[in-house]
Each structure stands twice: as C-alpha cells, then as structure tokens.
N, C-alpha and C. Protein backbone atom coordinates (compact mmCIF):
# COMPACT_ATOMS: atom_id res chain seq x y z
N MET A 1 59.42 82.12 182.02
CA MET A 1 59.15 81.58 180.70
C MET A 1 59.02 80.06 180.82
N SER A 2 58.03 79.52 180.16
CA SER A 2 57.81 78.08 180.23
C SER A 2 58.89 77.33 179.43
N GLU A 3 59.03 76.05 179.76
CA GLU A 3 60.04 75.24 179.07
C GLU A 3 59.75 75.13 177.58
N ASP A 4 58.47 75.06 177.22
CA ASP A 4 58.10 74.96 175.81
C ASP A 4 58.55 76.20 175.04
N LYS A 5 58.28 77.36 175.61
CA LYS A 5 58.67 78.61 174.94
C LYS A 5 60.18 78.73 174.85
N GLU A 6 60.88 78.31 175.91
CA GLU A 6 62.34 78.35 175.88
C GLU A 6 62.88 77.47 174.76
N LYS A 7 62.32 76.28 174.63
CA LYS A 7 62.79 75.36 173.58
C LYS A 7 62.49 75.92 172.20
N ILE A 8 61.31 76.47 172.01
CA ILE A 8 60.95 77.06 170.72
C ILE A 8 61.88 78.21 170.40
N LEU A 9 62.13 79.08 171.38
CA LEU A 9 63.03 80.22 171.17
C LEU A 9 64.44 79.73 170.84
N ARG A 10 64.91 78.74 171.56
CA ARG A 10 66.25 78.19 171.32
C ARG A 10 66.35 77.60 169.92
N ASP A 11 65.31 76.87 169.50
CA ASP A 11 65.31 76.27 168.16
C ASP A 11 65.31 77.34 167.07
N ALA A 12 64.49 78.37 167.25
CA ALA A 12 64.43 79.44 166.26
C ALA A 12 65.77 80.17 166.17
N LYS A 13 66.38 80.45 167.33
CA LYS A 13 67.67 81.14 167.32
C LYS A 13 68.76 80.28 166.68
N GLN A 14 68.68 78.97 166.88
CA GLN A 14 69.67 78.07 166.27
C GLN A 14 69.56 78.12 164.74
N ILE A 15 68.34 78.10 164.24
CA ILE A 15 68.12 78.20 162.79
C ILE A 15 68.70 79.51 162.26
N LEU A 16 68.40 80.60 162.97
CA LEU A 16 68.88 81.92 162.53
C LEU A 16 70.40 82.02 162.61
N MET A 17 71.00 81.38 163.62
CA MET A 17 72.47 81.40 163.73
C MET A 17 73.09 80.65 162.55
N GLN A 18 72.49 79.56 162.13
CA GLN A 18 73.01 78.82 160.98
C GLN A 18 72.99 79.70 159.73
N ILE A 19 71.91 80.43 159.54
CA ILE A 19 71.80 81.32 158.39
C ILE A 19 72.83 82.45 158.50
N ALA A 20 72.95 83.03 159.69
CA ALA A 20 73.85 84.16 159.90
C ALA A 20 75.32 83.79 159.66
N HIS A 21 75.67 82.54 159.87
CA HIS A 21 77.06 82.12 159.71
C HIS A 21 77.34 81.38 158.40
N ASP A 22 76.35 81.22 157.56
CA ASP A 22 76.52 80.51 156.29
C ASP A 22 77.02 81.48 155.22
N LEU A 23 78.24 81.29 154.79
CA LEU A 23 78.84 82.21 153.81
C LEU A 23 78.25 82.04 152.41
N ASN A 24 77.47 81.00 152.18
CA ASN A 24 76.80 80.83 150.89
C ASN A 24 75.50 81.62 150.80
N THR A 25 75.11 82.21 151.92
CA THR A 25 73.89 83.02 151.98
C THR A 25 74.27 84.48 151.73
N PRO A 26 73.50 85.19 150.92
CA PRO A 26 73.82 86.60 150.66
C PRO A 26 73.91 87.43 151.95
N ARG A 27 74.74 88.45 151.90
CA ARG A 27 75.03 89.27 153.07
C ARG A 27 73.78 89.89 153.69
N ASN A 28 72.85 90.38 152.86
CA ASN A 28 71.66 91.03 153.41
C ASN A 28 70.78 90.03 154.17
N ILE A 29 70.78 88.79 153.74
CA ILE A 29 70.00 87.75 154.42
C ILE A 29 70.66 87.41 155.75
N ARG A 30 71.98 87.29 155.75
CA ARG A 30 72.70 87.03 157.01
C ARG A 30 72.51 88.17 157.99
N ARG A 31 72.54 89.40 157.47
CA ARG A 31 72.35 90.58 158.32
C ARG A 31 70.96 90.56 158.96
N ALA A 32 69.95 90.23 158.18
CA ALA A 32 68.58 90.17 158.71
C ALA A 32 68.47 89.08 159.79
N ALA A 33 69.13 87.96 159.58
CA ALA A 33 69.12 86.89 160.59
C ALA A 33 69.78 87.37 161.88
N ARG A 34 70.91 88.07 161.76
CA ARG A 34 71.58 88.62 162.95
C ARG A 34 70.70 89.65 163.65
N ASN A 35 70.02 90.51 162.87
CA ASN A 35 69.12 91.50 163.46
C ASN A 35 67.96 90.84 164.19
N ALA A 36 67.43 89.77 163.63
CA ALA A 36 66.34 89.05 164.28
C ALA A 36 66.83 88.42 165.59
N ILE A 37 68.05 87.89 165.59
CA ILE A 37 68.61 87.31 166.82
C ILE A 37 68.77 88.39 167.87
N ARG A 38 69.29 89.55 167.47
CA ARG A 38 69.44 90.67 168.41
C ARG A 38 68.09 91.07 169.00
N GLU A 39 67.09 91.09 168.15
CA GLU A 39 65.74 91.45 168.61
C GLU A 39 65.24 90.42 169.62
N LEU A 40 65.50 89.15 169.38
CA LEU A 40 65.07 88.10 170.29
C LEU A 40 65.82 88.16 171.63
N ASP A 41 67.02 88.70 171.63
CA ASP A 41 67.82 88.81 172.85
C ASP A 41 67.52 90.07 173.64
N ASN A 42 66.68 90.96 173.12
CA ASN A 42 66.36 92.23 173.78
C ASN A 42 65.45 91.97 174.98
N ALA A 43 66.03 91.98 176.17
CA ALA A 43 65.27 91.63 177.39
C ALA A 43 64.40 92.79 177.89
N GLU A 44 64.46 93.94 177.24
CA GLU A 44 63.70 95.10 177.71
C GLU A 44 62.22 95.01 177.35
N ILE A 45 61.87 94.14 176.41
CA ILE A 45 60.47 94.02 176.00
C ILE A 45 60.01 92.58 176.18
N SER A 46 58.70 92.37 176.14
CA SER A 46 58.16 91.03 176.38
C SER A 46 58.59 90.06 175.28
N LEU A 47 58.54 88.79 175.62
CA LEU A 47 58.94 87.75 174.67
C LEU A 47 58.04 87.75 173.43
N ALA A 48 56.74 87.92 173.62
CA ALA A 48 55.82 87.92 172.48
C ALA A 48 56.14 89.08 171.54
N LEU A 49 56.45 90.24 172.08
CA LEU A 49 56.79 91.39 171.24
C LEU A 49 58.14 91.19 170.54
N ARG A 50 59.09 90.59 171.24
CA ARG A 50 60.39 90.29 170.61
C ARG A 50 60.20 89.34 169.43
N ALA A 51 59.37 88.31 169.63
CA ALA A 51 59.10 87.35 168.56
C ALA A 51 58.41 88.03 167.38
N ALA A 52 57.44 88.88 167.67
CA ALA A 52 56.74 89.60 166.59
C ALA A 52 57.68 90.51 165.82
N ASN A 53 58.57 91.20 166.52
CA ASN A 53 59.54 92.07 165.85
C ASN A 53 60.50 91.27 164.98
N ALA A 54 60.95 90.12 165.49
CA ALA A 54 61.84 89.26 164.71
C ALA A 54 61.13 88.73 163.47
N ILE A 55 59.86 88.39 163.61
CA ILE A 55 59.08 87.91 162.46
C ILE A 55 59.00 89.00 161.40
N ASP A 56 58.76 90.25 161.81
CA ASP A 56 58.71 91.36 160.85
C ASP A 56 60.02 91.49 160.08
N ILE A 57 61.13 91.39 160.79
CA ILE A 57 62.44 91.49 160.14
C ILE A 57 62.61 90.36 159.11
N LEU A 58 62.23 89.16 159.50
CA LEU A 58 62.43 88.00 158.63
C LEU A 58 61.47 88.00 157.44
N GLN A 59 60.25 88.46 157.65
CA GLN A 59 59.28 88.46 156.54
C GLN A 59 59.68 89.42 155.44
N GLU A 60 60.38 90.48 155.79
CA GLU A 60 60.84 91.44 154.78
C GLU A 60 61.77 90.79 153.77
N ILE A 61 62.56 89.82 154.20
CA ILE A 61 63.56 89.23 153.30
C ILE A 61 63.07 87.98 152.57
N THR A 62 61.93 87.45 152.97
CA THR A 62 61.48 86.21 152.33
C THR A 62 61.10 86.42 150.87
N ASP A 63 60.79 87.64 150.47
CA ASP A 63 60.44 87.92 149.08
C ASP A 63 61.65 88.29 148.22
N ASP A 64 62.83 88.34 148.83
CA ASP A 64 64.05 88.69 148.10
C ASP A 64 64.31 87.63 147.03
N PRO A 65 64.43 88.03 145.76
CA PRO A 65 64.65 87.04 144.70
C PRO A 65 66.02 86.35 144.77
N GLN A 66 66.97 86.94 145.50
CA GLN A 66 68.30 86.35 145.57
C GLN A 66 68.49 85.39 146.73
N ILE A 67 67.46 85.21 147.53
CA ILE A 67 67.59 84.32 148.68
C ILE A 67 67.61 82.87 148.20
N PRO A 68 68.62 82.11 148.62
CA PRO A 68 68.68 80.69 148.23
C PRO A 68 67.49 79.92 148.81
N THR A 69 67.10 78.87 148.13
CA THR A 69 65.94 78.09 148.55
C THR A 69 66.10 77.54 149.97
N PHE A 70 67.30 77.03 150.28
CA PHE A 70 67.52 76.47 151.62
C PHE A 70 67.38 77.53 152.70
N ALA A 71 67.83 78.75 152.41
CA ALA A 71 67.73 79.84 153.39
C ALA A 71 66.28 80.27 153.55
N ARG A 72 65.55 80.36 152.44
CA ARG A 72 64.13 80.73 152.52
C ARG A 72 63.36 79.70 153.36
N THR A 73 63.62 78.43 153.12
CA THR A 73 62.95 77.37 153.87
C THR A 73 63.27 77.48 155.36
N ALA A 74 64.54 77.72 155.69
CA ALA A 74 64.95 77.84 157.09
C ALA A 74 64.31 79.06 157.74
N ILE A 75 64.25 80.18 157.01
CA ILE A 75 63.65 81.39 157.57
C ILE A 75 62.15 81.18 157.80
N LEU A 76 61.49 80.53 156.87
CA LEU A 76 60.06 80.25 157.06
C LEU A 76 59.83 79.32 158.25
N GLU A 77 60.74 78.40 158.47
CA GLU A 77 60.64 77.53 159.63
C GLU A 77 60.80 78.33 160.93
N ALA A 78 61.79 79.24 160.94
CA ALA A 78 62.00 80.09 162.12
C ALA A 78 60.78 80.97 162.36
N ILE A 79 60.20 81.51 161.29
CA ILE A 79 59.01 82.35 161.42
C ILE A 79 57.87 81.55 162.03
N SER A 80 57.68 80.32 161.58
CA SER A 80 56.58 79.51 162.12
C SER A 80 56.79 79.20 163.60
N LEU A 81 58.04 78.98 164.01
CA LEU A 81 58.32 78.75 165.43
C LEU A 81 58.06 80.02 166.24
N LEU A 82 58.53 81.14 165.74
CA LEU A 82 58.35 82.40 166.46
C LEU A 82 56.88 82.82 166.52
N ASP A 83 56.13 82.44 165.51
CA ASP A 83 54.70 82.76 165.49
C ASP A 83 53.97 82.10 166.66
N ILE A 84 54.41 80.94 167.05
CA ILE A 84 53.82 80.25 168.21
C ILE A 84 54.00 81.11 169.46
N ILE A 85 55.18 81.68 169.63
CA ILE A 85 55.47 82.51 170.79
C ILE A 85 54.71 83.83 170.70
N ALA A 86 54.68 84.43 169.51
CA ALA A 86 54.07 85.74 169.35
C ALA A 86 52.56 85.71 169.61
N LYS A 87 51.93 84.58 169.36
CA LYS A 87 50.48 84.49 169.52
C LYS A 87 50.05 84.19 170.95
N GLU A 88 50.99 83.87 171.81
CA GLU A 88 50.63 83.54 173.20
C GLU A 88 50.70 84.75 174.09
C-alpha cells in the first residue's frame, strides 16, 4: 500500500473513531462508525473493496434525521477520503 493511501486510511479511521467514541452522538451512528472501522480492518479483501463497503455503511446513516450536524459533517469527510481509495 502506498504512503498516500495509508495516510488517507489512517485519517478516515481517526475521524470514525472520534464519532464511535463520542457519547453525544446517537448509538446507531456510533455503531455504524464502528462497523465501518471493522470493515476497513478486514484484511481478507482488497483495500478498494473495504473502502467501498465502509462508504456503503456510512452513506446509510447520513440521511438519519437524528444525526447531529457535527457527526454528519465528519462522516461526509470520512466518505470523501474513502472515496479516493475506492476509486483507485
């Protein structure tokens, strides 16, 4: 894996970890962030597929009306980072 992809993956996982550990974020949003992190850590499949799967998990929750604005913004940022990996 190239250094650029490693940095992007690390940045996306850091954003998701912040969401997963923020007690002000609803439980279903934290759960989705944890599931996306687990998907990104799954070494059995390619990095691009892991990123695409994590994006799918995160996109499902972006339309949730109960998601706080700061969490939605962070999730969209993580999605944009993961999209770079998924497209390569």
